[in-house]
Protein backbone atom coordinates (compact mmCIF):
# COMPACT_ATOMS: atom_id res chain seq x y z
CA MET A 1 104.86 99.94 91.44
CA GLY A 2 102.49 102.50 90.42
CA SER A 3 105.21 103.63 87.50
CA MET A 4 105.69 99.74 87.04
CA ASN A 5 101.84 99.48 86.58
CA CYS A 6 101.82 102.20 84.08
CA LEU A 7 104.88 101.02 81.91
CA THR A 8 103.62 97.44 81.61
CA THR A 9 100.08 98.73 80.60
CA VAL A 10 101.32 101.26 78.14
CA VAL A 11 103.92 98.76 76.63
CA GLY A 12 100.71 95.90 76.57
CA ALA A 13 98.07 98.48 74.82
CA MET A 14 101.05 99.74 72.17
CA PHE A 15 102.40 96.94 70.90
CA PHE A 16 99.94 94.13 71.98
CA GLY A 17 96.73 95.79 71.95
CA ALA A 18 96.27 95.07 75.56
CA ARG A 19 93.24 97.00 77.28
CA GLU A 20 93.04 98.61 80.81
CA ALA A 21 91.18 96.92 83.47
CA ASN A 22 90.20 100.12 85.57
CA PRO A 23 86.81 101.07 83.97
CA VAL A 24 87.57 104.55 84.74
CA LEU A 25 90.87 104.80 82.91
CA ALA A 26 90.25 102.20 79.90
CA GLY A 27 88.65 105.15 77.81
CA LEU A 28 91.51 107.31 78.44
CA VAL A 29 94.02 104.07 77.30
CA SER A 30 92.50 103.80 73.93
CA SER A 31 91.77 107.41 73.17
CA ASN A 32 94.45 109.24 74.48
CA LEU A 33 97.80 107.49 75.81
CA SER A 34 99.87 110.25 76.89
CA GLY A 35 97.08 111.52 78.96
CA PHE A 36 96.59 108.05 80.64
CA VAL A 37 100.19 108.19 81.45
CA VAL A 38 99.93 111.83 83.00
CA VAL A 39 96.69 110.57 85.12
CA LYS A 40 98.65 107.45 86.14
CA PHE A 41 101.81 109.15 87.37
CA ALA A 42 99.66 112.00 89.01
CA VAL A 43 97.80 109.45 91.00
CA THR A 44 100.87 107.69 91.89
CA VAL A 45 102.32 110.47 93.24
CA THR A 46 99.40 111.62 94.94
CA VAL A 47 98.79 108.72 96.84
CA SER A 48 102.76 108.69 97.68
CA LEU A 49 102.61 111.96 99.10
CA ILE A 50 99.63 111.39 101.25
CA PHE A 51 101.11 108.39 102.76
CA VAL A 52 104.48 110.33 103.50
CA LEU A 53 102.42 113.04 104.76
CA ALA A 54 100.44 110.82 107.09
CA GLN A 55 103.27 109.40 108.30
CA LYS A 56 104.80 113.01 109.20
CA THR A 57 101.49 114.01 110.79
CA LEU A 58 101.59 111.04 113.23
CA MET A 59 105.13 111.30 113.97
CA ARG A 60 104.59 114.65 115.22
CA THR A 61 102.67 113.55 117.76
CA SER A 62 103.95 114.41 121.14
CA ASP A 63 103.24 111.45 123.00
CA GLN A 64 103.56 108.42 121.22
CA SER A 65 102.80 106.06 123.87
CA THR A 66 99.26 106.94 123.50
CA ASN A 67 96.69 104.07 122.31
CA ALA A 68 95.80 106.46 119.73
CA TYR A 69 99.22 106.82 118.22
CA LYS A 70 99.76 102.91 118.38
CA ILE A 71 96.63 102.31 116.59
CA GLY A 72 97.06 105.07 114.07
CA LEU A 73 100.86 103.49 113.17
CA ARG A 74 99.49 99.86 113.08
CA ILE A 75 96.61 101.40 110.34
CA LEU A 76 99.45 103.28 108.37
CA LYS A 77 101.84 100.16 108.38
CA MET A 78 98.54 98.19 107.51
CA ALA A 79 97.65 100.58 104.35
CA TYR A 80 101.39 100.31 103.11
CA PHE A 81 101.43 96.64 103.01
CA THR A 82 97.98 96.62 101.44
CA ILE A 83 98.59 99.09 98.77
CA ILE A 84 102.09 97.46 98.03
CA LEU A 85 100.47 94.09 97.84
CA PHE A 86 98.12 95.10 95.37
CA LEU A 87 100.07 97.16 93.49
CA ALA A 88 102.65 93.84 93.26
CA LEU A 89 99.72 91.62 92.44
CA VAL A 90 98.42 93.97 89.57
CA VAL A 91 102.31 94.54 88.15
CA ALA A 92 102.48 90.69 88.19
CA ASN A 93 98.93 90.39 86.34
CA ASN A 94 100.06 92.70 83.90
CA ILE A 95 103.49 90.99 83.37
CA LEU A 96 101.52 87.16 82.62
CA VAL A 97 99.06 89.04 80.42
CA LEU A 98 102.05 90.83 78.64
CA MET A 99 103.96 87.29 78.34
CA HIS A 100 100.67 85.56 77.24
CA LEU A 101 100.67 88.12 74.18
CA ILE A 102 104.29 88.20 73.33
CA VAL A 103 103.67 83.88 73.11
CA GLU A 104 100.59 84.10 71.20
CA THR A 105 102.14 87.27 68.83
CA GLN A 106 105.49 84.50 68.28
CA ARG A 107 103.26 81.43 67.89
CA ILE A 108 100.86 83.33 65.35
CA PHE A 109 103.39 85.40 63.08
CA HIS A 110 106.94 82.94 63.54
CA LYS A 111 107.43 79.30 61.63
CA PRO A 112 108.55 76.56 63.86
CA LEU A 113 112.11 75.93 63.89
CA LEU A 114 113.67 72.94 62.03
CA ARG A 115 115.96 71.64 65.15
CA SER A 116 116.61 67.91 64.75
CA PRO A 117 119.17 66.74 62.78
CA LEU A 118 117.05 63.91 60.67
CA LYS A 119 114.42 66.97 59.88
CA GLN A 120 117.20 69.45 59.02
CA SER A 121 118.39 66.80 56.45
CA LEU A 122 114.77 65.90 55.33
CA ARG A 123 114.62 69.90 54.38
CA ASN A 124 117.78 70.00 52.58
CA THR A 125 116.57 66.98 50.31
CA LYS A 126 114.24 66.88 47.35
CA CYS A 127 112.06 64.09 49.03
CA ASP A 128 111.64 62.00 52.06
CA PRO A 129 113.38 58.43 52.65
CA HIS A 130 110.38 56.43 51.73
CA CYS A 131 109.68 57.44 48.36
CA GLN A 132 113.53 57.61 47.31
CA GLY A 133 113.68 55.56 43.88
CA ASN A 134 109.63 55.65 43.38
CA LEU A 135 108.81 57.01 39.92
CA SER A 136 105.65 58.73 41.03
CA CYS A 137 107.33 60.44 43.90
CA SER A 138 106.13 64.39 43.14
CA HIS A 139 109.84 65.48 44.32
CA VAL A 140 111.95 63.75 41.73
C-alpha cells in the first residue's frame, strides 16, 4: 500500500500537477521527485520492518497464555488493520484525484466527438437543413 501511495503521488505530480498532502514531504515532491521516492520507500520499508520485528518479538514470548501476550497481540493486530485501512484510504483518495485530473484534462484539451447520425450528416454538409435554398445563408 505504501508503494501504491508513492506511485499514485508520483504519477499525479509528474503528469497532472498534483501536490502531496503531507506537509513534511510536499516541498520534496516539488523540488526533488527522485528524493521523494527514496524517502517514501524508506519510510514504507521501515514501517514494514517495525511490524515484522514486533511480531517476531511477540512470538518469542515463552508463555503465550498470559494477558500481556494477548493484549500485545491484539494491539499489533489493531495496528496492522489501522495502517492498512489508512493507506487504503490514502491510495483511494489519490486514485480519485488522478481520475478527476484526467477527466478535467480531457475535457479541456479534447473536442467532443460527433456521435449522432444527424450531427454527422450535418457535419458533412455545408449548411443545416433550415437554410437550404435560402439565398441569405452564409454557407452557400
